[in-house]
PDB file of N, CA and C in Angstrom:
ATOM      1  N   MET A   1       5.108 151.008 -95.064  1.00  0.00           N
ATOM      2  CA  MET A   1       3.967 151.915 -95.062  1.00  0.00           C
ATOM      3  C   MET A   1       3.733 152.416 -93.642  1.00  0.00           C
ATOM      4  N   SER A   2       3.442 153.670 -93.534  1.00  0.00           N
ATOM      5  CA  SER A   2       3.213 154.296 -92.242  1.00  0.00           C
ATOM      6  C   SER A   2       1.900 153.811 -91.636  1.00  0.00           C
ATOM      7  N   GLU A   3       1.917 153.678 -90.332  1.00  0.00           N
ATOM      8  CA  GLU A   3       0.711 153.248 -89.623  1.00  0.00           C
ATOM      9  C   GLU A   3      -0.156 154.434 -89.197  1.00  0.00           C
ATOM     10  N   ILE A   4       0.360 155.642 -89.344  1.00  0.00           N
ATOM     11  CA  ILE A   4      -0.393 156.813 -88.909  1.00  0.00           C
ATOM     12  C   ILE A   4      -1.590 157.057 -89.828  1.00  0.00           C
ATOM     13  N   GLU A   5      -2.699 157.356 -89.219  1.00  0.00           N
ATOM     14  CA  GLU A   5      -3.928 157.652 -89.957  1.00  0.00           C
ATOM     15  C   GLU A   5      -3.718 158.949 -90.745  1.00  0.00           C
ATOM     16  N   PRO A   6      -4.214 159.007 -92.000  1.00  0.00           N
ATOM     17  CA  PRO A   6      -4.013 160.201 -92.821  1.00  0.00           C
ATOM     18  C   PRO A   6      -4.457 161.501 -92.153  1.00  0.00           C
ATOM     19  N   ALA A   7      -5.597 161.497 -91.508  1.00  0.00           N
ATOM     20  CA  ALA A   7      -6.073 162.718 -90.844  1.00  0.00           C
ATOM     21  C   ALA A   7      -5.117 163.126 -89.727  1.00  0.00           C
ATOM     22  N   SER A   8      -4.641 162.174 -88.962  1.00  0.00           N
ATOM     23  CA  SER A   8      -3.695 162.480 -87.877  1.00  0.00           C
ATOM     24  C   SER A   8      -2.405 163.051 -88.440  1.00  0.00           C
ATOM     25  N   TRP A   9      -1.965 162.519 -89.565  1.00  0.00           N
ATOM     26  CA  TRP A   9      -0.752 163.012 -90.217  1.00  0.00           C
ATOM     27  C   TRP A   9      -0.939 164.466 -90.658  1.00  0.00           C
ATOM     28  N   LEU A  10      -2.087 164.762 -91.270  1.00  0.00           N
ATOM     29  CA  LEU A  10      -2.355 166.140 -91.697  1.00  0.00           C
ATOM     30  C   LEU A  10      -2.487 167.086 -90.500  1.00  0.00           C
ATOM     31  N   ILE A  11      -3.107 166.623 -89.447  1.00  0.00           N
ATOM     32  CA  ILE A  11      -3.256 167.432 -88.236  1.00  0.00           C
ATOM     33  C   ILE A  11      -1.877 167.749 -87.652  1.00  0.00           C
ATOM     34  N   ALA A  12      -1.001 166.763 -87.617  1.00  0.00           N
ATOM     35  CA  ALA A  12       0.359 166.972 -87.117  1.00  0.00           C
ATOM     36  C   ALA A  12       1.116 167.960 -88.007  1.00  0.00           C
ATOM     37  N   ARG A  13       0.936 167.856 -89.326  1.00  0.00           N
ATOM     38  CA  ARG A  13       1.582 168.799 -90.252  1.00  0.00           C
ATOM     39  C   ARG A  13       1.115 170.226 -89.985  1.00  0.00           C
ATOM     40  N   GLU A  14      -0.187 170.391 -89.770  1.00  0.00           N
ATOM     41  CA  GLU A  14      -0.732 171.714 -89.477  1.00  0.00           C
ATOM     42  C   GLU A  14      -0.104 172.277 -88.201  1.00  0.00           C
ATOM     43  N   ALA A  15      -0.035 171.463 -87.172  1.00  0.00           N
ATOM     44  CA  ALA A  15       0.551 171.901 -85.904  1.00  0.00           C
ATOM     45  C   ALA A  15       2.028 172.247 -86.077  1.00  0.00           C
ATOM     46  N   ASN A  16       2.761 171.418 -86.822  1.00  0.00           N
ATOM     47  CA  ASN A  16       4.180 171.677 -87.070  1.00  0.00           C
ATOM     48  C   ASN A  16       4.404 172.955 -87.866  1.00  0.00           C
ATOM     49  N   ALA A  17       3.423 173.346 -88.652  1.00  0.00           N
ATOM     50  CA  ALA A  17       3.519 174.572 -89.445  1.00  0.00           C
ATOM     51  C   ALA A  17       3.081 175.794 -88.632  1.00  0.00           C
ATOM     52  N   GLY A  18       2.716 175.567 -87.375  1.00  0.00           N
ATOM     53  CA  GLY A  18       2.334 176.671 -86.509  1.00  0.00           C
ATOM     54  C   GLY A  18       0.881 177.073 -86.613  1.00  0.00           C
ATOM     55  N   ARG A  19       0.085 176.253 -87.284  1.00  0.00           N
ATOM     56  CA  ARG A  19      -1.341 176.544 -87.398  1.00  0.00           C
ATOM     57  C   ARG A  19      -2.068 175.839 -86.247  1.00  0.00           C
ATOM     58  N   ALA A  20      -2.519 176.616 -85.299  1.00  0.00           N
ATOM     59  CA  ALA A  20      -3.182 176.070 -84.114  1.00  0.00           C
ATOM     60  C   ALA A  20      -4.530 175.471 -84.496  1.00  0.00           C
ATOM     61  N   LEU A  21      -4.773 174.283 -84.011  1.00  0.00           N
ATOM     62  CA  LEU A  21      -6.035 173.600 -84.287  1.00  0.00           C
ATOM     63  C   LEU A  21      -6.803 173.371 -82.993  1.00  0.00           C
ATOM     64  N   LYS A  22      -8.096 173.542 -83.085  1.00  0.00           N
ATOM     65  CA  LYS A  22      -8.977 173.215 -81.969  1.00  0.00           C
ATOM     66  C   LYS A  22      -9.509 171.800 -82.200  1.00  0.00           C
ATOM     67  N   ALA A  23     -10.123 171.239 -81.184  1.00  0.00           N
ATOM     68  CA  ALA A  23     -10.671 169.884 -81.304  1.00  0.00           C
ATOM     69  C   ALA A  23     -11.654 169.784 -82.463  1.00  0.00           C
ATOM     70  N   GLU A  24     -12.483 170.815 -82.634  1.00  0.00           N
ATOM     71  CA  GLU A  24     -13.467 170.764 -83.725  1.00  0.00           C
ATOM     72  C   GLU A  24     -12.790 170.838 -85.101  1.00  0.00           C
ATOM     73  N   ASP A  25     -11.622 171.480 -85.174  1.00  0.00           N
ATOM     74  CA  ASP A  25     -10.875 171.517 -86.431  1.00  0.00           C
ATOM     75  C   ASP A  25     -10.409 170.113 -86.816  1.00  0.00           C
ATOM     76  N   ALA A  26      -9.925 169.374 -85.838  1.00  0.00           N
ATOM     77  CA  ALA A  26      -9.475 168.007 -86.096  1.00  0.00           C
ATOM     78  C   ALA A  26     -10.642 167.144 -86.581  1.00  0.00           C
ATOM     79  N   ALA A  27     -11.802 167.330 -85.973  1.00  0.00           N
ATOM     80  CA  ALA A  27     -12.985 166.572 -86.390  1.00  0.00           C
ATOM     81  C   ALA A  27     -13.374 166.947 -87.821  1.00  0.00           C
ATOM     82  N   LYS A  28     -13.267 168.229 -88.173  1.00  0.00           N
ATOM     83  CA  LYS A  28     -13.591 168.675 -89.533  1.00  0.00           C
ATOM     84  C   LYS A  28     -12.614 168.085 -90.548  1.00  0.00           C
ATOM     85  N   ILE A  29     -11.352 167.996 -90.173  1.00  0.00           N
ATOM     86  CA  ILE A  29     -10.352 167.413 -91.071  1.00  0.00           C
ATOM     87  C   ILE A  29     -10.664 165.951 -91.313  1.00  0.00           C
ATOM     88  N   ARG A  30     -10.987 165.237 -90.261  1.00  0.00           N
ATOM     89  CA  ARG A  30     -11.335 163.813 -90.407  1.00  0.00           C
ATOM     90  C   ARG A  30     -12.560 163.644 -91.315  1.00  0.00           C
ATOM     91  N   GLN A  31     -13.558 164.489 -91.107  1.00  0.00           N
ATOM     92  CA  GLN A  31     -14.776 164.420 -91.925  1.00  0.00           C
ATOM     93  C   GLN A  31     -14.477 164.790 -93.372  1.00  0.00           C
ATOM     94  N   SER A  32     -13.640 165.787 -93.573  1.00  0.00           N
ATOM     95  CA  SER A  32     -13.289 166.227 -94.922  1.00  0.00           C
ATOM     96  C   SER A  32     -12.603 165.102 -95.696  1.00  0.00           C
ATOM     97  N   ILE A  33     -11.682 164.414 -95.053  1.00  0.00           N
ATOM     98  CA  ILE A  33     -10.992 163.307 -95.725  1.00  0.00           C
ATOM     99  C   ILE A  33     -11.959 162.156 -96.002  1.00  0.00           C
ATOM    100  N   ALA A  34     -12.840 161.881 -95.063  1.00  0.00           N
ATOM    101  CA  ALA A  34     -13.830 160.813 -95.278  1.00  0.00           C
ATOM    102  C   ALA A  34     -14.755 161.157 -96.447  1.00  0.00           C
ATOM    103  N   THR A  35     -15.187 162.401 -96.536  1.00  0.00           N
ATOM    104  CA  THR A  35     -16.043 162.830 -97.634  1.00  0.00           C
ATOM    105  C   THR A  35     -15.288 162.740 -98.956  1.00  0.00           C
ATOM    106  N   ALA A  36     -14.048 163.206 -98.971  1.00  0.00           N
ATOM    107  CA  ALA A  36     -13.234 163.147-100.191  1.00  0.00           C
ATOM    108  C   ALA A  36     -13.041 161.701-100.646  1.00  0.00           C
ATOM    109  N   ALA A  37     -12.824 160.794 -99.709  1.00  0.00           N
ATOM    110  CA  ALA A  37     -12.630 159.383-100.058  1.00  0.00           C
ATOM    111  C   ALA A  37     -13.873 158.824-100.749  1.00  0.00           C
ATOM    112  N   LYS A  38     -15.057 159.248-100.315  1.00  0.00           N
ATOM    113  CA  LYS A  38     -16.302 158.801-100.947  1.00  0.00           C
ATOM    114  C   LYS A  38     -16.478 159.430-102.326  1.00  0.00           C
ATOM    115  N   VAL A  39     -16.263 160.735-102.395  1.00  0.00           N
ATOM    116  CA  VAL A  39     -16.476 161.451-103.656  1.00  0.00           C
ATOM    117  C   VAL A  39     -15.506 160.975-104.728  1.00  0.00           C
ATOM    118  N   PHE A  40     -14.239 160.844-104.366  1.00  0.00           N
ATOM    119  CA  PHE A  40     -13.220 160.478-105.348  1.00  0.00           C
ATOM    120  C   PHE A  40     -12.980 158.978-105.446  1.00  0.00           C
ATOM    121  N   GLN A  41     -13.637 158.232-104.560  1.00  0.00           N
ATOM    122  CA  GLN A  41     -13.508 156.772-104.541  1.00  0.00           C
ATOM    123  C   GLN A  41     -12.039 156.369-104.473  1.00  0.00           C
ATOM    124  N   GLU A  42     -11.329 157.011-103.534  1.00  0.00           N
ATOM    125  CA  GLU A  42      -9.907 156.766-103.336  1.00  0.00           C
ATOM    126  C   GLU A  42      -9.614 156.554-101.859  1.00  0.00           C
ATOM    127  N   ASP A  43      -8.463 155.984-101.620  1.00  0.00           N
ATOM    128  CA  ASP A  43      -7.989 155.751-100.272  1.00  0.00           C
ATOM    129  C   ASP A  43      -7.654 157.098 -99.611  1.00  0.00           C
ATOM    130  N   PRO A  44      -8.048 157.295 -98.371  1.00  0.00           N
ATOM    131  CA  PRO A  44      -7.733 158.548 -97.678  1.00  0.00           C
ATOM    132  C   PRO A  44      -6.231 158.872 -97.663  1.00  0.00           C
ATOM    133  N   ARG A  45      -5.399 157.870 -97.572  1.00  0.00           N
ATOM    134  CA  ARG A  45      -3.952 158.084 -97.573  1.00  0.00           C
ATOM    135  C   ARG A  45      -3.496 158.704 -98.894  1.00  0.00           C
ATOM    136  N   MET A  46      -4.050 158.231 -99.990  1.00  0.00           N
ATOM    137  CA  MET A  46      -3.700 158.775-101.308  1.00  0.00           C
ATOM    138  C   MET A  46      -4.147 160.227-101.415  1.00  0.00           C
ATOM    139  N   ILE A  47      -5.344 160.519-100.936  1.00  0.00           N
ATOM    140  CA  ILE A  47      -5.858 161.885-100.972  1.00  0.00           C
ATOM    141  C   ILE A  47      -4.966 162.809-100.148  1.00  0.00           C
ATOM    142  N   ALA A  48      -4.613 162.390 -98.950  1.00  0.00           N
ATOM    143  CA  ALA A  48      -3.746 163.212 -98.097  1.00  0.00           C
ATOM    144  C   ALA A  48      -2.397 163.462 -98.771  1.00  0.00           C
ATOM    145  N   ASN A  49      -1.814 162.426 -99.346  1.00  0.00           N
ATOM    146  CA  ASN A  49      -0.521 162.577-100.024  1.00  0.00           C
ATOM    147  C   ASN A  49      -0.618 163.542-101.202  1.00  0.00           C
ATOM    148  N   ARG A  50      -1.642 163.391-102.019  1.00  0.00           N
ATOM    149  CA  ARG A  50      -1.810 164.265-103.183  1.00  0.00           C
ATOM    150  C   ARG A  50      -2.047 165.716-102.755  1.00  0.00           C
ATOM    151  N   ALA A  51      -2.802 165.897-101.684  1.00  0.00           N
ATOM    152  CA  ALA A  51      -3.069 167.253-101.192  1.00  0.00           C
ATOM    153  C   ALA A  51      -1.780 167.922-100.716  1.00  0.00           C
ATOM    154  N   VAL A  52      -0.928 167.174-100.049  1.00  0.00           N
ATOM    155  CA  VAL A  52       0.351 167.721 -99.588  1.00  0.00           C
ATOM    156  C   VAL A  52       1.234 168.067-100.789  1.00  0.00           C
ATOM    157  N   GLN A  53       1.229 167.216-101.795  1.00  0.00           N
ATOM    158  CA  GLN A  53       2.002 167.504-103.005  1.00  0.00           C
ATOM    159  C   GLN A  53       1.482 168.767-103.685  1.00  0.00           C
ATOM    160  N   LEU A  54       0.164 168.897-103.760  1.00  0.00           N
ATOM    161  CA  LEU A  54      -0.436 170.073-104.393  1.00  0.00           C
ATOM    162  C   LEU A  54      -0.094 171.341-103.614  1.00  0.00           C
ATOM    163  N   GLU A  55      -0.159 171.269-102.309  1.00  0.00           N
ATOM    164  CA  GLU A  55       0.220 172.412-101.469  1.00  0.00           C
ATOM    165  C   GLU A  55       1.645 172.866-101.802  1.00  0.00           C
ATOM    166  N   ALA A  56       2.545 171.911-101.904  1.00  0.00           N
ATOM    167  CA  ALA A  56       3.945 172.231-102.201  1.00  0.00           C
ATOM    168  C   ALA A  56       4.107 172.808-103.603  1.00  0.00           C
ATOM    169  N   MET A  57       3.331 172.329-104.546  1.00  0.00           N
ATOM    170  CA  MET A  57       3.417 172.813-105.920  1.00  0.00           C
ATOM    171  C   MET A  57       2.905 174.245-106.050  1.00  0.00           C
ATOM    172  N   LEU A  58       1.883 174.589-105.290  1.00  0.00           N
ATOM    173  CA  LEU A  58       1.270 175.911-105.415  1.00  0.00           C
ATOM    174  C   LEU A  58       2.187 176.993-104.847  1.00  0.00           C
ATOM    175  N   ASP A  59       2.329 177.050-103.559  1.00  0.00           N
ATOM    176  CA  ASP A  59       3.238 178.010-102.929  1.00  0.00           C
ATOM    177  C   ASP A  59       3.293 177.703-101.444  1.00  0.00           C
ATOM    178  N   PRO A  60       4.194 176.845-101.055  1.00  0.00           N
ATOM    179  CA  PRO A  60       4.244 176.435 -99.652  1.00  0.00           C
ATOM    180  C   PRO A  60       4.596 177.572 -98.694  1.00  0.00           C
ATOM    181  N   THR A  61       5.153 178.658 -99.195  1.00  0.00           N
ATOM    182  CA  THR A  61       5.515 179.773 -98.319  1.00  0.00           C
ATOM    183  C   THR A  61       4.322 180.687 -98.064  1.00  0.00           C
ATOM    184  N   ASP A  62       3.284 180.549 -98.876  1.00  0.00           N
ATOM    185  CA  ASP A  62       2.108 181.396 -98.785  1.00  0.00           C
ATOM    186  C   ASP A  62       1.271 181.058 -97.548  1.00  0.00           C
ATOM    187  N   GLY A  63       1.032 179.793 -97.291  1.00  0.00           N
ATOM    188  CA  GLY A  63       0.266 179.371 -96.131  1.00  0.00           C
ATOM    189  C   GLY A  63      -1.237 179.432 -96.291  1.00  0.00           C
ATOM    190  N   ARG A  64      -1.717 179.931 -97.427  1.00  0.00           N
ATOM    191  CA  ARG A  64      -3.167 180.024 -97.634  1.00  0.00           C
ATOM    192  C   ARG A  64      -3.744 178.730 -98.177  1.00  0.00           C
ATOM    193  N   GLU A  65      -3.112 178.160 -99.184  1.00  0.00           N
ATOM    194  CA  GLU A  65      -3.641 176.948 -99.806  1.00  0.00           C
ATOM    195  C   GLU A  65      -2.952 175.730 -99.180  1.00  0.00           C
ATOM    196  N   THR A  66      -3.472 175.339 -98.027  1.00  0.00           N
ATOM    197  CA  THR A  66      -2.903 174.206 -97.307  1.00  0.00           C
ATOM    198  C   THR A  66      -3.526 172.901 -97.798  1.00  0.00           C
ATOM    199  N   ALA A  67      -2.859 171.819 -97.528  1.00  0.00           N
ATOM    200  CA  ALA A  67      -3.375 170.502 -97.916  1.00  0.00           C
ATOM    201  C   ALA A  67      -4.767 170.282 -97.335  1.00  0.00           C
ATOM    202  N   VAL A  68      -4.943 170.634 -96.084  1.00  0.00           N
ATOM    203  CA  VAL A  68      -6.239 170.467 -95.420  1.00  0.00           C
ATOM    204  C   VAL A  68      -7.318 171.274 -96.136  1.00  0.00           C
ATOM    205  N   GLY A  69      -7.021 172.518 -96.430  1.00  0.00           N
ATOM    206  CA  GLY A  69      -7.990 173.366 -97.125  1.00  0.00           C
ATOM    207  C   GLY A  69      -8.263 172.901 -98.535  1.00  0.00           C
ATOM    208  N   LEU A  70      -7.228 172.443 -99.212  1.00  0.00           N
ATOM    209  CA  LEU A  70      -7.387 171.974-100.595  1.00  0.00           C
ATOM    210  C   LEU A  70      -8.300 170.756-100.670  1.00  0.00           C
ATOM    211  N   ILE A  71      -8.178 169.861 -99.713  1.00  0.00           N
ATOM    212  CA  ILE A  71      -9.061 168.687 -99.702  1.00  0.00           C
ATOM    213  C   ILE A  71     -10.516 169.150 -99.618  1.00  0.00           C
ATOM    214  N   ALA A  72     -10.788 170.072 -98.731  1.00  0.00           N
ATOM    215  CA  ALA A  72     -12.165 170.552 -98.541  1.00  0.00           C
ATOM    216  C   ALA A  72     -12.701 171.252 -99.777  1.00  0.00           C
ATOM    217  N   VAL A  73     -11.949 172.201-100.327  1.00  0.00           N
ATOM    218  CA  VAL A  73     -12.493 172.986-101.447  1.00  0.00           C
ATOM    219  C   VAL A  73     -12.582 172.175-102.732  1.00  0.00           C
ATOM    220  N   LEU A  74     -11.633 171.283-102.961  1.00  0.00           N
ATOM    221  CA  LEU A  74     -11.691 170.489-104.185  1.00  0.00           C
ATOM    222  C   LEU A  74     -12.777 169.413-104.106  1.00  0.00           C
ATOM    223  N   THR A  75     -13.032 168.917-102.912  1.00  0.00           N
ATOM    224  CA  THR A  75     -14.126 167.964-102.741  1.00  0.00           C
ATOM    225  C   THR A  75     -15.456 168.669-102.961  1.00  0.00           C
ATOM    226  N   ASP A  76     -15.543 169.919-102.521  1.00  0.00           N
ATOM    227  CA  ASP A  76     -16.773 170.689-102.698  1.00  0.00           C
ATOM    228  C   ASP A  76     -17.071 170.944-104.172  1.00  0.00           C
ATOM    229  N   VAL A  77     -16.043 171.015-104.989  1.00  0.00           N
ATOM    230  CA  VAL A  77     -16.211 171.244-106.425  1.00  0.00           C
ATOM    231  C   VAL A  77     -16.840 170.026-107.103  1.00  0.00           C
ATOM    232  N   VAL A  78     -16.462 168.848-106.677  1.00  0.00           N
ATOM    233  CA  VAL A  78     -16.940 167.607-107.307  1.00  0.00           C
ATOM    234  C   VAL A  78     -17.772 166.852-106.282  1.00  0.00           C
ATOM    235  N   ARG A  79     -19.062 167.055-106.328  1.00  0.00           N
ATOM    236  CA  ARG A  79     -19.951 166.406-105.370  1.00  0.00           C
ATOM    237  C   ARG A  79     -20.379 164.997-105.779  1.00  0.00           C
ATOM    238  N   GLU A  80     -20.381 164.710-107.058  1.00  0.00           N
ATOM    239  CA  GLU A  80     -20.843 163.405-107.524  1.00  0.00           C
ATOM    240  C   GLU A  80     -19.679 162.461-107.754  1.00  0.00           C
ATOM    241  N   PRO A  81     -19.701 161.293-107.123  1.00  0.00           N
ATOM    242  CA  PRO A  81     -18.652 160.301-107.395  1.00  0.00           C
ATOM    243  C   PRO A  81     -18.615 159.967-108.888  1.00  0.00           C
ATOM    244  N   GLY A  82     -17.421 159.797-109.403  1.00  0.00           N
ATOM    245  CA  GLY A  82     -17.253 159.420-110.797  1.00  0.00           C
ATOM    246  C   GLY A  82     -17.198 160.582-111.771  1.00  0.00           C
ATOM    247  N   LYS A  83     -17.354 161.819-111.294  1.00  0.00           N
ATOM    248  CA  LYS A  83     -17.314 162.982-112.188  1.00  0.00           C
ATOM    249  C   LYS A  83     -15.905 163.271-112.697  1.00  0.00           C
ATOM    250  N   VAL A  84     -14.911 162.870-111.941  1.00  0.00           N
ATOM    251  CA  VAL A  84     -13.514 163.102-112.310  1.00  0.00           C
ATOM    252  C   VAL A  84     -12.730 161.869-111.895  1.00  0.00           C
ATOM    253  N   GLU A  85     -11.601 161.628-112.532  1.00  0.00           N
ATOM    254  CA  GLU A  85     -10.856 160.390-112.288  1.00  0.00           C
ATOM    255  C   GLU A  85     -10.412 160.210-110.848  1.00  0.00           C
ATOM    256  N   GLY A  86     -10.124 161.274-110.155  1.00  0.00           N
ATOM    257  CA  GLY A  86      -9.702 161.151-108.767  1.00  0.00           C
ATOM    258  C   GLY A  86      -9.227 162.476-108.226  1.00  0.00           C
ATOM    259  N   PHE A  87      -8.833 162.449-106.965  1.00  0.00           N
ATOM    260  CA  PHE A  87      -8.371 163.668-106.329  1.00  0.00           C
ATOM    261  C   PHE A  87      -7.128 164.217-107.019  1.00  0.00           C
ATOM    262  N   GLY A  88      -6.237 163.341-107.424  1.00  0.00           N
ATOM    263  CA  GLY A  88      -5.038 163.785-108.134  1.00  0.00           C
ATOM    264  C   GLY A  88      -5.383 164.510-109.426  1.00  0.00           C
ATOM    265  N   ALA A  89      -6.392 164.030-110.132  1.00  0.00           N
ATOM    266  CA  ALA A  89      -6.795 164.649-111.398  1.00  0.00           C
ATOM    267  C   ALA A  89      -7.384 166.039-111.163  1.00  0.00           C
ATOM    268  N   ILE A  90      -8.249 166.172-110.173  1.00  0.00           N
ATOM    269  CA  ILE A  90      -8.838 167.496-109.914  1.00  0.00           C
ATOM    270  C   ILE A  90      -7.778 168.443-109.370  1.00  0.00           C
ATOM    271  N   GLY A  91      -6.861 167.901-108.591  1.00  0.00           N
ATOM    272  CA  GLY A  91      -5.761 168.713-108.081  1.00  0.00           C
ATOM    273  C   GLY A  91      -4.876 169.233-109.206  1.00  0.00           C
ATOM    274  N   GLN A  92      -4.616 168.389-110.189  1.00  0.00           N
ATOM    275  CA  GLN A  92      -3.791 168.806-111.327  1.00  0.00           C
ATOM    276  C   GLN A  92      -4.509 169.876-112.143  1.00  0.00           C
ATOM    277  N   GLN A  93      -5.811 169.706-112.325  1.00  0.00           N
ATOM    278  CA  GLN A  93      -6.575 170.713-113.059  1.00  0.00           C
ATOM    279  C   GLN A  93      -6.560 172.047-112.309  1.00  0.00           C
ATOM    280  N   TYR A  94      -6.733 171.980-111.006  1.00  0.00           N
ATOM    281  CA  TYR A  94      -6.705 173.190-110.188  1.00  0.00           C
ATOM    282  C   TYR A  94      -5.337 173.867-110.298  1.00  0.00           C
ATOM    283  N   TYR A  95      -4.282 173.089-110.180  1.00  0.00           N
ATOM    284  CA  TYR A  95      -2.918 173.622-110.295  1.00  0.00           C
ATOM    285  C   TYR A  95      -2.723 174.316-111.649  1.00  0.00           C
ATOM    286  N   ASN A  96      -3.140 173.646-112.716  1.00  0.00           N
ATOM    287  CA  ASN A  96      -2.986 174.224-114.048  1.00  0.00           C
ATOM    288  C   ASN A  96      -3.729 175.552-114.177  1.00  0.00           C
ATOM    289  N   LEU A  97      -4.937 175.620-113.639  1.00  0.00           N
ATOM    290  CA  LEU A  97      -5.712 176.863-113.680  1.00  0.00           C
ATOM    291  C   LEU A  97      -5.031 177.970-112.878  1.00  0.00           C
ATOM    292  N   ARG A  98      -4.526 177.622-111.715  1.00  0.00           N
ATOM    293  CA  ARG A  98      -3.843 178.623-110.874  1.00  0.00           C
ATOM    294  C   ARG A  98      -2.597 179.147-111.571  1.00  0.00           C
ATOM    295  N   LYS A  99      -1.886 178.256-112.258  1.00  0.00           N
ATOM    296  CA  LYS A  99      -0.651 178.660-112.924  1.00  0.00           C
ATOM    297  C   LYS A  99      -0.911 179.518-114.167  1.00  0.00           C
ATOM    298  N   THR A 100      -2.144 179.515-114.667  1.00  0.00           N
ATOM    299  CA  THR A 100      -2.477 180.415-115.779  1.00  0.00           C
ATOM    300  C   THR A 100      -2.762 181.816-115.270  1.00  0.00           C
ATOM    301  N   GLY A 101      -2.801 181.973-113.948  1.00  0.00           N
ATOM    302  CA  GLY A 101      -3.029 183.289-113.369  1.00  0.00           C
ATOM    303  C   GLY A 101      -4.379 183.464-112.705  1.00  0.00           C
ATOM    304  N   LEU A 102      -5.219 182.430-112.749  1.00  0.00           N
ATOM    305  CA  LEU A 102      -6.525 182.549-112.103  1.00  0.00           C
ATOM    306  C   LEU A 102      -6.353 182.595-110.587  1.00  0.00           C
ATOM    307  N   SER A 103      -7.213 183.344-109.931  1.00  0.00           N
ATOM    308  CA  SER A 103      -7.226 183.367-108.467  1.00  0.00           C
ATOM    309  C   SER A 103      -7.766 182.034-107.956  1.00  0.00           C
ATOM    310  N   GLU A 104      -7.627 181.826-106.667  1.00  0.00           N
ATOM    311  CA  GLU A 104      -8.172 180.608-106.060  1.00  0.00           C
ATOM    312  C   GLU A 104      -9.664 180.485-106.376  1.00  0.00           C
ATOM    313  N   ARG A 105     -10.408 181.572-106.122  1.00  0.00           N
ATOM    314  CA  ARG A 105     -11.856 181.568-106.330  1.00  0.00           C
ATOM    315  C   ARG A 105     -12.214 181.319-107.785  1.00  0.00           C
ATOM    316  N   ASP A 106     -11.522 181.987-108.705  1.00  0.00           N
ATOM    317  CA  ASP A 106     -11.819 181.808-110.126  1.00  0.00           C
ATOM    318  C   ASP A 106     -11.511 180.385-110.590  1.00  0.00           C
ATOM    319  N   ALA A 107     -10.426 179.817-110.107  1.00  0.00           N
ATOM    320  CA  ALA A 107     -10.086 178.441-110.475  1.00  0.00           C
ATOM    321  C   ALA A 107     -11.147 177.473-109.950  1.00  0.00           C
ATOM    322  N   LEU A 108     -11.593 177.684-108.722  1.00  0.00           N
ATOM    323  CA  LEU A 108     -12.634 176.816-108.157  1.00  0.00           C
ATOM    324  C   LEU A 108     -13.954 176.996-108.900  1.00  0.00           C
ATOM    325  N   ASN A 109     -14.276 178.229-109.263  1.00  0.00           N
ATOM    326  CA  ASN A 109     -15.501 178.470-110.027  1.00  0.00           C
ATOM    327  C   ASN A 109     -15.442 177.794-111.393  1.00  0.00           C
ATOM    328  N   ASP A 110     -14.282 177.834-112.036  1.00  0.00           N
ATOM    329  CA  ASP A 110     -14.115 177.169-113.328  1.00  0.00           C
ATOM    330  C   ASP A 110     -14.350 175.666-113.181  1.00  0.00           C
ATOM    331  N   LEU A 111     -13.743 175.078-112.178  1.00  0.00           N
ATOM    332  CA  LEU A 111     -13.917 173.636-111.954  1.00  0.00           C
ATOM    333  C   LEU A 111     -15.363 173.319-111.582  1.00  0.00           C
ATOM    334  N   SER A 112     -15.966 174.178-110.809  1.00  0.00           N
ATOM    335  CA  SER A 112     -17.345 173.977-110.420  1.00  0.00           C
ATOM    336  C   SER A 112     -18.275 173.977-111.631  1.00  0.00           C
ATOM    337  N   ARG A 113     -18.044 174.909-112.530  1.00  0.00           N
ATOM    338  CA  ARG A 113     -18.856 174.939-113.769  1.00  0.00           C
ATOM    339  C   ARG A 113     -18.628 173.666-114.577  1.00  0.00           C
ATOM    340  N   ARG A 114     -17.405 173.249-114.644  1.00  0.00           N
ATOM    341  CA  ARG A 114     -17.044 172.073-115.427  1.00  0.00           C
ATOM    342  C   ARG A 114     -17.707 170.800-114.885  1.00  0.00           C
ATOM    343  N   TYR A 115     -17.770 170.721-113.550  1.00  0.00           N
ATOM    344  CA  TYR A 115     -18.308 169.506-112.942  1.00  0.00           C
ATOM    345  C   TYR A 115     -19.714 169.677-112.402  1.00  0.00           C
ATOM    346  N   GLY A 116     -20.298 170.859-112.595  1.00  0.00           N
ATOM    347  CA  GLY A 116     -21.705 171.087-112.294  1.00  0.00           C
ATOM    348  C   GLY A 116     -22.145 170.873-110.876  1.00  0.00           C
ATOM    349  N   SER A 117     -21.270 171.132-109.915  1.00  0.00           N
ATOM    350  CA  SER A 117     -21.633 170.841-108.535  1.00  0.00           C
ATOM    351  C   SER A 117     -22.302 172.005-107.820  1.00  0.00           C
ATOM    352  N   ARG A 118     -22.153 173.210-108.344  1.00  0.00           N
ATOM    353  CA  ARG A 118     -22.728 174.375-107.659  1.00  0.00           C
ATOM    354  C   ARG A 118     -23.798 174.998-108.535  1.00  0.00           C
ATOM    355  N   GLY A 119     -24.890 175.428-107.873  1.00  0.00           N
ATOM    356  CA  GLY A 119     -26.024 176.010-108.553  1.00  0.00           C
ATOM    357  C   GLY A 119     -25.668 177.161-109.392  1.00  0.00           C
TER     358      GLY A 119
END
């Protein structure tokens, strides 16, 4: 098992992909993973791994739906712990919606309605 912290691993991936990060971006990534771990009641390492897998499944050449961004937006959809089985489950639902042709926003809105997190 790797000793690297999940947030550090994601930050390194972003840098390797040519996405410049500022210090505050790194802090936001760390906070996003910590929030996701609470919401999904999962290990941060598992969340980071699933987010990277989801990024690859969607369109890794696109560069818009990154693992870092996916963690943030999918966590925002499910604000209450226990609403969904885990980050992998919400990620799979998001993937399925995107593959039906829904835009990013429409897929997130669908999930948001389903899990009642947004007014």
